[in-house]
Amino acid sequence: MPLYDYKCVDHGLFHALVPVSASGESHPCPGCGLVSPRVILVAPSVLAMAPEKRRAVARNERAAHEPRSGNQHSEREQGCCHHARHKPKVFYTARGEKLFPSARPWMISH
């Protein structure tokens, strides 16, 4: 017989061994005798999960509400792969000529 969880209005949670055929039925509270409904406290998929995965899921859920942490560079650049676009060093005039304002003025362009 599996162990099921029930919730009494007066005494709170309690556990009882009940046959599978009566799993959906209410069960009397051992303290006061009132019929109490069954409650599901843990999802069955969590119970069947590997212990390592269960710990990893719990760790991720605990960290979900915390702010992101990182250095200024990673926050400004949005991680390691999204780099900000740099201003081009080429400047085009109205006639279509290329100018390099930051380049050496004495060098002749092709």
PDB file of N, CA and C in Angstrom:
ATOM      1  N   MET A   1       0.846  -1.190   0.000  1.00  0.00           N
ATOM      2  CA  MET A   1       0.000   0.000   0.000  1.00  0.00           C
ATOM      3  C   MET A   1       0.886   1.247   0.000  1.00  0.00           C
ATOM      4  N   PRO A   2       0.537   2.192  -0.858  1.00  0.00           N
ATOM      5  CA  PRO A   2       1.315   3.435  -0.899  1.00  0.00           C
ATOM      6  C   PRO A   2       0.910   4.406   0.200  1.00  0.00           C
ATOM      7  N   LEU A   3       1.790   5.325   0.473  1.00  0.00           N
ATOM      8  CA  LEU A   3       1.578   6.358   1.482  1.00  0.00           C
ATOM      9  C   LEU A   3       1.029   7.604   0.792  1.00  0.00           C
ATOM     10  N   TYR A   4      -0.155   8.055   1.199  1.00  0.00           N
ATOM     11  CA  TYR A   4      -0.790   9.238   0.614  1.00  0.00           C
ATOM     12  C   TYR A   4      -0.837  10.365   1.637  1.00  0.00           C
ATOM     13  N   ASP A   5      -0.899  11.596   1.142  1.00  0.00           N
ATOM     14  CA  ASP A   5      -0.973  12.782   1.994  1.00  0.00           C
ATOM     15  C   ASP A   5      -2.407  13.298   2.023  1.00  0.00           C
ATOM     16  N   TYR A   6      -2.848  13.684   3.213  1.00  0.00           N
ATOM     17  CA  TYR A   6      -4.187  14.250   3.409  1.00  0.00           C
ATOM     18  C   TYR A   6      -4.061  15.523   4.226  1.00  0.00           C
ATOM     19  N   LYS A   7      -5.076  16.389   4.109  1.00  0.00           N
ATOM     20  CA  LYS A   7      -5.029  17.650   4.856  1.00  0.00           C
ATOM     21  C   LYS A   7      -6.331  17.839   5.626  1.00  0.00           C
ATOM     22  N   CYS A   8      -6.182  17.874   6.946  1.00  0.00           N
ATOM     23  CA  CYS A   8      -7.316  18.112   7.833  1.00  0.00           C
ATOM     24  C   CYS A   8      -7.467  19.621   8.023  1.00  0.00           C
ATOM     25  N   VAL A   9      -8.707  20.079   8.140  1.00  0.00           N
ATOM     26  CA  VAL A   9      -8.968  21.503   8.331  1.00  0.00           C
ATOM     27  C   VAL A   9      -8.415  21.965   9.681  1.00  0.00           C
ATOM     28  N   ASP A  10      -8.545  21.130  10.705  1.00  0.00           N
ATOM     29  CA  ASP A  10      -8.117  21.512  12.053  1.00  0.00           C
ATOM     30  C   ASP A  10      -6.656  21.164  12.356  1.00  0.00           C
ATOM     31  N   HIS A  11      -6.194  19.982  11.931  1.00  0.00           N
ATOM     32  CA  HIS A  11      -4.879  19.497  12.331  1.00  0.00           C
ATOM     33  C   HIS A  11      -3.810  19.588  11.236  1.00  0.00           C
ATOM     34  N   GLY A  12      -4.152  19.971  10.048  1.00  0.00           N
ATOM     35  CA  GLY A  12      -3.163  20.118   8.974  1.00  0.00           C
ATOM     36  C   GLY A  12      -2.864  18.816   8.252  1.00  0.00           C
ATOM     37  N   LEU A  13      -1.639  18.674   7.799  1.00  0.00           N
ATOM     38  CA  LEU A  13      -1.245  17.526   6.980  1.00  0.00           C
ATOM     39  C   LEU A  13      -1.030  16.274   7.814  1.00  0.00           C
ATOM     40  N   PHE A  14      -1.413  15.130   7.220  1.00  0.00           N
ATOM     41  CA  PHE A  14      -1.082  13.834   7.794  1.00  0.00           C
ATOM     42  C   PHE A  14      -0.951  12.827   6.664  1.00  0.00           C
ATOM     43  N   HIS A  15      -0.292  11.712   6.951  1.00  0.00           N
ATOM     44  CA  HIS A  15      -0.028  10.670   5.963  1.00  0.00           C
ATOM     45  C   HIS A  15      -0.764   9.409   6.386  1.00  0.00           C
ATOM     46  N   ALA A  16      -1.190   8.628   5.376  1.00  0.00           N
ATOM     47  CA  ALA A  16      -1.873   7.372   5.678  1.00  0.00           C
ATOM     48  C   ALA A  16      -1.564   6.349   4.599  1.00  0.00           C
ATOM     49  N   LEU A  17      -1.431   5.087   5.026  1.00  0.00           N
ATOM     50  CA  LEU A  17      -1.276   3.987   4.081  1.00  0.00           C
ATOM     51  C   LEU A  17      -2.659   3.564   3.623  1.00  0.00           C
ATOM     52  N   VAL A  18      -2.900   3.670   2.332  1.00  0.00           N
ATOM     53  CA  VAL A  18      -4.226   3.402   1.774  1.00  0.00           C
ATOM     54  C   VAL A  18      -4.049   2.522   0.541  1.00  0.00           C
ATOM     55  N   PRO A  19      -4.955   1.553   0.308  1.00  0.00           N
ATOM     56  CA  PRO A  19      -4.864   0.750  -0.912  1.00  0.00           C
ATOM     57  C   PRO A  19      -5.017   1.629  -2.163  1.00  0.00           C
ATOM     58  N   VAL A  20      -4.420   1.197  -3.253  1.00  0.00           N
ATOM     59  CA  VAL A  20      -4.479   1.962  -4.496  1.00  0.00           C
ATOM     60  C   VAL A  20      -5.919   2.112  -4.967  1.00  0.00           C
ATOM     61  N   SER A  21      -6.747   1.129  -4.720  1.00  0.00           N
ATOM     62  CA  SER A  21      -8.149   1.204  -5.145  1.00  0.00           C
ATOM     63  C   SER A  21      -8.895   2.342  -4.449  1.00  0.00           C
ATOM     64  N   ALA A  22      -8.448   2.758  -3.260  1.00  0.00           N
ATOM     65  CA  ALA A  22      -9.098   3.838  -2.513  1.00  0.00           C
ATOM     66  C   ALA A  22      -8.262   5.112  -2.537  1.00  0.00           C
ATOM     67  N   SER A  23      -7.393   5.257  -3.524  1.00  0.00           N
ATOM     68  CA  SER A  23      -6.477   6.399  -3.541  1.00  0.00           C
ATOM     69  C   SER A  23      -7.182   7.733  -3.753  1.00  0.00           C
ATOM     70  N   GLY A  24      -8.287   7.762  -4.458  1.00  0.00           N
ATOM     71  CA  GLY A  24      -8.986   9.019  -4.719  1.00  0.00           C
ATOM     72  C   GLY A  24      -9.971   9.407  -3.635  1.00  0.00           C
ATOM     73  N   GLU A  25     -10.204   8.537  -2.670  1.00  0.00           N
ATOM     74  CA  GLU A  25     -11.193   8.807  -1.626  1.00  0.00           C
ATOM     75  C   GLU A  25     -10.588   9.616  -0.483  1.00  0.00           C
ATOM     76  N   SER A  26     -11.455  10.245   0.291  1.00  0.00           N
ATOM     77  CA  SER A  26     -11.016  10.973   1.489  1.00  0.00           C
ATOM     78  C   SER A  26     -10.693   9.976   2.592  1.00  0.00           C
ATOM     79  N   HIS A  27      -9.961  10.440   3.607  1.00  0.00           N
ATOM     80  CA  HIS A  27      -9.536   9.566   4.698  1.00  0.00           C
ATOM     81  C   HIS A  27      -9.759  10.301   6.017  1.00  0.00           C
ATOM     82  N   PRO A  28     -10.201   9.593   7.074  1.00  0.00           N
ATOM     83  CA  PRO A  28     -10.424  10.277   8.353  1.00  0.00           C
ATOM     84  C   PRO A  28      -9.113  10.713   9.014  1.00  0.00           C
ATOM     85  N   CYS A  29      -9.146  11.880   9.632  1.00  0.00           N
ATOM     86  CA  CYS A  29      -7.992  12.421  10.339  1.00  0.00           C
ATOM     87  C   CYS A  29      -7.746  11.594  11.599  1.00  0.00           C
ATOM     88  N   PRO A  30      -6.500  11.224  11.885  1.00  0.00           N
ATOM     89  CA  PRO A  30      -6.233  10.445  13.098  1.00  0.00           C
ATOM     90  C   PRO A  30      -6.436  11.253  14.380  1.00  0.00           C
ATOM     91  N   GLY A  31      -6.396  12.576  14.301  1.00  0.00           N
ATOM     92  CA  GLY A  31      -6.553  13.402  15.494  1.00  0.00           C
ATOM     93  C   GLY A  31      -8.000  13.646  15.870  1.00  0.00           C
ATOM     94  N   CYS A  32      -8.835  13.996  14.881  1.00  0.00           N
ATOM     95  CA  CYS A  32     -10.214  14.367  15.205  1.00  0.00           C
ATOM     96  C   CYS A  32     -11.249  13.472  14.544  1.00  0.00           C
ATOM     97  N   GLY A  33     -10.870  12.692  13.548  1.00  0.00           N
ATOM     98  CA  GLY A  33     -11.802  11.795  12.892  1.00  0.00           C
ATOM     99  C   GLY A  33     -12.567  12.422  11.737  1.00  0.00           C
ATOM    100  N   LEU A  34     -12.362  13.711  11.471  1.00  0.00           N
ATOM    101  CA  LEU A  34     -13.028  14.351  10.334  1.00  0.00           C
ATOM    102  C   LEU A  34     -12.476  13.795   9.026  1.00  0.00           C
ATOM    103  N   VAL A  35     -13.357  13.633   8.050  1.00  0.00           N
ATOM    104  CA  VAL A  35     -12.930  13.138   6.744  1.00  0.00           C
ATOM    105  C   VAL A  35     -12.158  14.255   6.042  1.00  0.00           C
ATOM    106  N   SER A  36     -10.941  13.945   5.616  1.00  0.00           N
ATOM    107  CA  SER A  36     -10.058  14.944   5.007  1.00  0.00           C
ATOM    108  C   SER A  36      -9.743  14.563   3.569  1.00  0.00           C
ATOM    109  N   PRO A  37      -9.657  15.550   2.684  1.00  0.00           N
ATOM    110  CA  PRO A  37      -9.344  15.248   1.279  1.00  0.00           C
ATOM    111  C   PRO A  37      -7.857  14.954   1.085  1.00  0.00           C
ATOM    112  N   ARG A  38      -7.587  14.208   0.034  1.00  0.00           N
ATOM    113  CA  ARG A  38      -6.196  13.893  -0.309  1.00  0.00           C
ATOM    114  C   ARG A  38      -5.571  15.098  -1.010  1.00  0.00           C
ATOM    115  N   VAL A  39      -4.310  15.364  -0.715  1.00  0.00           N
ATOM    116  CA  VAL A  39      -3.573  16.444  -1.375  1.00  0.00           C
ATOM    117  C   VAL A  39      -2.310  15.853  -1.997  1.00  0.00           C
ATOM    118  N   ILE A  40      -1.878  16.456  -3.102  1.00  0.00           N
ATOM    119  CA  ILE A  40      -0.644  16.026  -3.758  1.00  0.00           C
ATOM    120  C   ILE A  40       0.400  17.093  -3.479  1.00  0.00           C
ATOM    121  N   LEU A  41       1.402  16.734  -2.687  1.00  0.00           N
ATOM    122  CA  LEU A  41       2.435  17.687  -2.293  1.00  0.00           C
ATOM    123  C   LEU A  41       3.637  17.670  -3.224  1.00  0.00           C
ATOM    124  N   VAL A  42       3.949  16.525  -3.823  1.00  0.00           N
ATOM    125  CA  VAL A  42       5.105  16.391  -4.696  1.00  0.00           C
ATOM    126  C   VAL A  42       4.635  15.778  -6.008  1.00  0.00           C
ATOM    127  N   ALA A  43       5.042  16.366  -7.110  1.00  0.00           N
ATOM    128  CA  ALA A  43       4.667  15.825  -8.414  1.00  0.00           C
ATOM    129  C   ALA A  43       5.313  14.453  -8.617  1.00  0.00           C
ATOM    130  N   PRO A  44       4.579  13.485  -9.176  1.00  0.00           N
ATOM    131  CA  PRO A  44       5.144  12.144  -9.367  1.00  0.00           C
ATOM    132  C   PRO A  44       6.388  12.133 -10.249  1.00  0.00           C
ATOM    133  N   SER A  45       6.483  13.041 -11.221  1.00  0.00           N
ATOM    134  CA  SER A  45       7.660  13.056 -12.092  1.00  0.00           C
ATOM    135  C   SER A  45       8.921  13.422 -11.316  1.00  0.00           C
ATOM    136  N   VAL A  46       8.773  14.212 -10.267  1.00  0.00           N
ATOM    137  CA  VAL A  46       9.925  14.584  -9.445  1.00  0.00           C
ATOM    138  C   VAL A  46      10.418  13.377  -8.653  1.00  0.00           C
ATOM    139  N   LEU A  47       9.510  12.531  -8.213  1.00  0.00           N
ATOM    140  CA  LEU A  47       9.907  11.354  -7.445  1.00  0.00           C
ATOM    141  C   LEU A  47      10.656  10.348  -8.302  1.00  0.00           C
ATOM    142  N   ALA A  48      10.292  10.239  -9.589  1.00  0.00           N
ATOM    143  CA  ALA A  48      10.931   9.276 -10.478  1.00  0.00           C
ATOM    144  C   ALA A  48      12.227   9.811 -11.078  1.00  0.00           C
ATOM    145  N   MET A  49      12.531  11.078 -10.852  1.00  0.00           N
ATOM    146  CA  MET A  49      13.711  11.719 -11.430  1.00  0.00           C
ATOM    147  C   MET A  49      14.984  11.242 -10.734  1.00  0.00           C
ATOM    148  N   ALA A  50      16.075  11.218 -11.472  1.00  0.00           N
ATOM    149  CA  ALA A  50      17.373  10.851 -10.894  1.00  0.00           C
ATOM    150  C   ALA A  50      17.765  11.871  -9.827  1.00  0.00           C
ATOM    151  N   PRO A  51      18.414  11.444  -8.747  1.00  0.00           N
ATOM    152  CA  PRO A  51      18.754  12.373  -7.658  1.00  0.00           C
ATOM    153  C   PRO A  51      19.622  13.546  -8.105  1.00  0.00           C
ATOM    154  N   GLU A  52      20.563  13.304  -9.026  1.00  0.00           N
ATOM    155  CA  GLU A  52      21.425  14.397  -9.494  1.00  0.00           C
ATOM    156  C   GLU A  52      20.608  15.454 -10.229  1.00  0.00           C
ATOM    157  N   LYS A  53      19.684  14.992 -11.068  1.00  0.00           N
ATOM    158  CA  LYS A  53      18.847  15.924 -11.825  1.00  0.00           C
ATOM    159  C   LYS A  53      17.906  16.674 -10.887  1.00  0.00           C
ATOM    160  N   ARG A  54      17.378  15.986  -9.883  1.00  0.00           N
ATOM    161  CA  ARG A  54      16.479  16.628  -8.919  1.00  0.00           C
ATOM    162  C   ARG A  54      17.202  17.747  -8.166  1.00  0.00           C
ATOM    163  N   ARG A  55      18.460  17.497  -7.768  1.00  0.00           N
ATOM    164  CA  ARG A  55      19.240  18.539  -7.094  1.00  0.00           C
ATOM    165  C   ARG A  55      19.519  19.714  -8.029  1.00  0.00           C
ATOM    166  N   ALA A  56      19.803  19.431  -9.306  1.00  0.00           N
ATOM    167  CA  ALA A  56      20.070  20.505 -10.271  1.00  0.00           C
ATOM    168  C   ALA A  56      18.825  21.347 -10.510  1.00  0.00           C
ATOM    169  N   VAL A  57      17.667  20.721 -10.610  1.00  0.00           N
ATOM    170  CA  VAL A  57      16.412  21.458 -10.799  1.00  0.00           C
ATOM    171  C   VAL A  57      16.133  22.325  -9.586  1.00  0.00           C
ATOM    172  N   ALA A  58      16.336  21.788  -8.394  1.00  0.00           N
ATOM    173  CA  ALA A  58      16.112  22.566  -7.175  1.00  0.00           C
ATOM    174  C   ALA A  58      17.070  23.746  -7.102  1.00  0.00           C
ATOM    175  N   ARG A  59      18.315  23.547  -7.496  1.00  0.00           N
ATOM    176  CA  ARG A  59      19.299  24.635  -7.479  1.00  0.00           C
ATOM    177  C   ARG A  59      18.896  25.730  -8.465  1.00  0.00           C
ATOM    178  N   ASN A  60      18.441  25.354  -9.651  1.00  0.00           N
ATOM    179  CA  ASN A  60      18.024  26.344 -10.645  1.00  0.00           C
ATOM    180  C   ASN A  60      16.788  27.107 -10.191  1.00  0.00           C
ATOM    181  N   GLU A  61      15.850  26.438  -9.528  1.00  0.00           N
ATOM    182  CA  GLU A  61      14.652  27.123  -9.043  1.00  0.00           C
ATOM    183  C   GLU A  61      14.995  28.109  -7.937  1.00  0.00           C
ATOM    184  N   ARG A  62      15.954  27.767  -7.093  1.00  0.00           N
ATOM    185  CA  ARG A  62      16.351  28.691  -6.030  1.00  0.00           C
ATOM    186  C   ARG A  62      17.007  29.934  -6.610  1.00  0.00           C
ATOM    187  N   ALA A  63      17.749  29.798  -7.707  1.00  0.00           N
ATOM    188  CA  ALA A  63      18.478  30.922  -8.293  1.00  0.00           C
ATOM    189  C   ALA A  63      17.637  31.724  -9.281  1.00  0.00           C
ATOM    190  N   ALA A  64      16.416  31.301  -9.584  1.00  0.00           N
ATOM    191  CA  ALA A  64      15.619  31.974 -10.611  1.00  0.00           C
ATOM    192  C   ALA A  64      15.218  33.389 -10.206  1.00  0.00           C
ATOM    193  N   HIS A  65      15.048  33.661  -8.921  1.00  0.00           N
ATOM    194  CA  HIS A  65      14.590  34.978  -8.474  1.00  0.00           C
ATOM    195  C   HIS A  65      15.735  35.951  -8.228  1.00  0.00           C
ATOM    196  N   GLU A  66      16.962  35.467  -8.245  1.00  0.00           N
ATOM    197  CA  GLU A  66      18.105  36.328  -7.949  1.00  0.00           C
ATOM    198  C   GLU A  66      18.519  37.115  -9.191  1.00  0.00           C
ATOM    199  N   PRO A  67      19.062  38.299  -9.005  1.00  0.00           N
ATOM    200  CA  PRO A  67      19.485  39.092 -10.162  1.00  0.00           C
ATOM    201  C   PRO A  67      20.686  38.468 -10.859  1.00  0.00           C
ATOM    202  N   ARG A  68      20.844  38.821 -12.123  1.00  0.00           N
ATOM    203  CA  ARG A  68      21.994  38.340 -12.867  1.00  0.00           C
ATOM    204  C   ARG A  68      23.257  38.939 -12.279  1.00  0.00           C
ATOM    205  N   SER A  69      24.305  38.180 -12.297  1.00  0.00           N
ATOM    206  CA  SER A  69      25.568  38.719 -11.813  1.00  0.00           C
ATOM    207  C   SER A  69      26.610  38.574 -12.907  1.00  0.00           C
ATOM    208  N   GLY A  70      27.489  39.529 -12.967  1.00  0.00           N
ATOM    209  CA  GLY A  70      28.550  39.514 -13.965  1.00  0.00           C
ATOM    210  C   GLY A  70      29.337  40.790 -13.844  1.00  0.00           C
ATOM    211  N   ASN A  71      30.344  40.918 -14.658  1.00  0.00           N
ATOM    212  CA  ASN A  71      31.114  42.149 -14.610  1.00  0.00           C
ATOM    213  C   ASN A  71      30.510  43.179 -15.564  1.00  0.00           C
ATOM    214  N   GLN A  72      31.010  44.391 -15.538  1.00  0.00           N
ATOM    215  CA  GLN A  72      30.451  45.446 -16.382  1.00  0.00           C
ATOM    216  C   GLN A  72      30.582  45.107 -17.855  1.00  0.00           C
ATOM    217  N   HIS A  73      31.693  44.498 -18.231  1.00  0.00           N
ATOM    218  CA  HIS A  73      31.907  44.171 -19.638  1.00  0.00           C
ATOM    219  C   HIS A  73      30.848  43.195 -20.132  1.00  0.00           C
ATOM    220  N   SER A  74      30.583  42.125 -19.382  1.00  0.00           N
ATOM    221  CA  SER A  74      29.629  41.122 -19.841  1.00  0.00           C
ATOM    222  C   SER A  74      28.211  41.665 -19.849  1.00  0.00           C
ATOM    223  N   GLU A  75      27.865  42.522 -18.899  1.00  0.00           N
ATOM    224  CA  GLU A  75      26.522  43.092 -18.889  1.00  0.00           C
ATOM    225  C   GLU A  75      26.338  44.095 -20.015  1.00  0.00           C
ATOM    226  N   ARG A  76      27.376  44.881 -20.299  1.00  0.00           N
ATOM    227  CA  ARG A  76      27.279  45.875 -21.364  1.00  0.00           C
ATOM    228  C   ARG A  76      27.259  45.195 -22.735  1.00  0.00           C
ATOM    229  N   GLU A  77      28.037  44.144 -22.892  1.00  0.00           N
ATOM    230  CA  GLU A  77      28.166  43.473 -24.182  1.00  0.00           C
ATOM    231  C   GLU A  77      27.126  42.367 -24.363  1.00  0.00           C
ATOM    232  N   GLN A  78      26.279  42.132 -23.394  1.00  0.00           N
ATOM    233  CA  GLN A  78      25.265  41.078 -23.455  1.00  0.00           C
ATOM    234  C   GLN A  78      25.897  39.696 -23.621  1.00  0.00           C
ATOM    235  N   GLY A  79      26.881  39.389 -22.834  1.00  0.00           N
ATOM    236  CA  GLY A  79      27.519  38.087 -22.887  1.00  0.00           C
ATOM    237  C   GLY A  79      28.789  38.115 -23.709  1.00  0.00           C
ATOM    238  N   CYS A  80      29.281  36.952 -24.041  1.00  0.00           N
ATOM    239  CA  CYS A  80      30.563  36.884 -24.732  1.00  0.00           C
ATOM    240  C   CYS A  80      30.420  36.929 -26.249  1.00  0.00           C
ATOM    241  N   CYS A  81      29.249  36.692 -26.785  1.00  0.00           N
ATOM    242  CA  CYS A  81      29.110  36.560 -28.237  1.00  0.00           C
ATOM    243  C   CYS A  81      28.481  37.769 -28.912  1.00  0.00           C
ATOM    244  N   HIS A  82      27.874  38.667 -28.181  1.00  0.00           N
ATOM    245  CA  HIS A  82      27.192  39.810 -28.778  1.00  0.00           C
ATOM    246  C   HIS A  82      28.019  41.060 -28.520  1.00  0.00           C
ATOM    247  N   HIS A  83      28.870  41.380 -29.451  1.00  0.00           N
ATOM    248  CA  HIS A  83      29.728  42.539 -29.287  1.00  0.00           C
ATOM    249  C   HIS A  83      29.073  43.759 -29.912  1.00  0.00           C
ATOM    250  N   ALA A  84      29.292  44.892 -29.321  1.00  0.00           N
ATOM    251  CA  ALA A  84      28.733  46.138 -29.842  1.00  0.00           C
ATOM    252  C   ALA A  84      29.399  46.478 -31.166  1.00  0.00           C
ATOM    253  N   ARG A  85      28.629  47.089 -32.037  1.00  0.00           N
ATOM    254  CA  ARG A  85      29.188  47.492 -33.325  1.00  0.00           C
ATOM    255  C   ARG A  85      30.046  48.732 -33.137  1.00  0.00           C
ATOM    256  N   HIS A  86      31.200  48.708 -33.761  1.00  0.00           N
ATOM    257  CA  HIS A  86      32.102  49.843 -33.683  1.00  0.00           C
ATOM    258  C   HIS A  86      31.785  50.811 -34.814  1.00  0.00           C
ATOM    259  N   LYS A  87      32.042  52.067 -34.566  1.00  0.00           N
ATOM    260  CA  LYS A  87      31.825  53.063 -35.604  1.00  0.00           C
ATOM    261  C   LYS A  87      32.829  52.828 -36.728  1.00  0.00           C
ATOM    262  N   PRO A  88      32.384  52.908 -37.959  1.00  0.00           N
ATOM    263  CA  PRO A  88      33.332  52.709 -39.056  1.00  0.00           C
ATOM    264  C   PRO A  88      34.367  53.832 -39.092  1.00  0.00           C
ATOM    265  N   LYS A  89      35.569  53.482 -39.488  1.00  0.00           N
ATOM    266  CA  LYS A  89      36.642  54.470 -39.561  1.00  0.00           C
ATOM    267  C   LYS A  89      36.644  55.198 -40.901  1.00  0.00           C
ATOM    268  N   VAL A  90      35.752  54.807 -41.788  1.00  0.00           N
ATOM    269  CA  VAL A  90      35.677  55.423 -43.113  1.00  0.00           C
ATOM    270  C   VAL A  90      34.566  56.458 -43.110  1.00  0.00           C
ATOM    271  N   PHE A  91      34.840  57.589 -43.734  1.00  0.00           N
ATOM    272  CA  PHE A  91      33.850  58.654 -43.862  1.00  0.00           C
ATOM    273  C   PHE A  91      33.749  59.003 -45.341  1.00  0.00           C
ATOM    274  N   TYR A  92      32.533  59.034 -45.888  1.00  0.00           N
ATOM    275  CA  TYR A  92      32.328  59.351 -47.298  1.00  0.00           C
ATOM    276  C   TYR A  92      31.856  60.798 -47.428  1.00  0.00           C
ATOM    277  N   THR A  93      32.446  61.510 -48.369  1.00  0.00           N
ATOM    278  CA  THR A  93      32.037  62.898 -48.624  1.00  0.00           C
ATOM    279  C   THR A  93      30.827  62.899 -49.541  1.00  0.00           C
ATOM    280  N   ALA A  94      30.280  64.099 -49.801  1.00  0.00           N
ATOM    281  CA  ALA A  94      29.122  64.226 -50.680  1.00  0.00           C
ATOM    282  C   ALA A  94      29.463  63.789 -52.103  1.00  0.00           C
ATOM    283  N   ARG A  95      30.703  63.933 -52.524  1.00  0.00           N
ATOM    284  CA  ARG A  95      31.111  63.533 -53.875  1.00  0.00           C
ATOM    285  C   ARG A  95      31.478  62.048 -53.948  1.00  0.00           C
ATOM    286  N   GLY A  96      31.410  61.329 -52.840  1.00  0.00           N
ATOM    287  CA  GLY A  96      31.699  59.900 -52.839  1.00  0.00           C
ATOM    288  C   GLY A  96      33.137  59.551 -52.536  1.00  0.00           C
ATOM    289  N   GLU A  97      33.930  60.527 -52.140  1.00  0.00           N
ATOM    290  CA  GLU A  97      35.326  60.259 -51.808  1.00  0.00           C
ATOM    291  C   GLU A  97      35.428  59.676 -50.395  1.00  0.00           C
ATOM    292  N   LYS A  98      36.393  58.792 -50.229  1.00  0.00           N
ATOM    293  CA  LYS A  98      36.633  58.197 -48.917  1.00  0.00           C
ATOM    294  C   LYS A  98      37.584  59.070 -48.130  1.00  0.00           C
ATOM    295  N   LEU A  99      37.253  59.266 -46.866  1.00  0.00           N
ATOM    296  CA  LEU A  99      38.144  59.959 -45.943  1.00  0.00           C
ATOM    297  C   LEU A  99      38.313  59.086 -44.708  1.00  0.00           C
ATOM    298  N   PHE A 100      39.497  59.076 -44.187  1.00  0.00           N
ATOM    299  CA  PHE A 100      39.779  58.352 -42.957  1.00  0.00           C
ATOM    300  C   PHE A 100      40.195  59.378 -41.911  1.00  0.00           C
ATOM    301  N   PRO A 101      39.256  59.901 -41.130  1.00  0.00           N
ATOM    302  CA  PRO A 101      39.595  60.961 -40.183  1.00  0.00           C
ATOM    303  C   PRO A 101      40.627  60.543 -39.145  1.00  0.00           C
ATOM    304  N   SER A 102      40.645  59.313 -38.750  1.00  0.00           N
ATOM    305  CA  SER A 102      41.591  58.887 -37.723  1.00  0.00           C
ATOM    306  C   SER A 102      42.913  58.405 -38.314  1.00  0.00           C
ATOM    307  N   ALA A 103      42.980  58.286 -39.642  1.00  0.00           N
ATOM    308  CA  ALA A 103      44.204  57.788 -40.274  1.00  0.00           C
ATOM    309  C   ALA A 103      45.243  58.895 -40.392  1.00  0.00           C
ATOM    310  N   ARG A 104      46.409  58.534 -40.812  1.00  0.00           N
ATOM    311  CA  ARG A 104      47.502  59.498 -40.972  1.00  0.00           C
ATOM    312  C   ARG A 104      47.230  60.373 -42.196  1.00  0.00           C
ATOM    313  N   PRO A 105      47.186  61.689 -42.059  1.00  0.00           N
ATOM    314  CA  PRO A 105      46.828  62.550 -43.187  1.00  0.00           C
ATOM    315  C   PRO A 105      47.874  62.583 -44.286  1.00  0.00           C
ATOM    316  N   TRP A 106      49.102  62.229 -44.005  1.00  0.00           N
ATOM    317  CA  TRP A 106      50.139  62.313 -45.033  1.00  0.00           C
ATOM    318  C   TRP A 106      50.182  61.083 -45.930  1.00  0.00           C
ATOM    319  N   MET A 107      49.372  60.022 -45.580  1.00  0.00           N
ATOM    320  CA  MET A 107      49.366  58.820 -46.414  1.00  0.00           C
ATOM    321  C   MET A 107      48.330  58.973 -47.518  1.00  0.00           C
ATOM    322  N   ILE A 108      48.667  58.538 -48.694  1.00  0.00           N
ATOM    323  CA  ILE A 108      47.771  58.656 -49.842  1.00  0.00           C
ATOM    324  C   ILE A 108      46.991  57.360 -49.982  1.00  0.00           C
ATOM    325  N   SER A 109      45.688  57.491 -50.137  1.00  0.00           N
ATOM    326  CA  SER A 109      44.811  56.343 -50.280  1.00  0.00           C
ATOM    327  C   SER A 109      44.761  55.899 -51.739  1.00  0.00           C
ATOM    328  N   HIS A 110      44.403  54.702 -52.014  1.00  0.00           N
ATOM    329  CA  HIS A 110      44.286  54.208 -53.395  1.00  0.00           C
ATOM    330  C   HIS A 110      42.940  54.519 -53.960  1.00  0.00           C
TER     331      HIS A 110
END
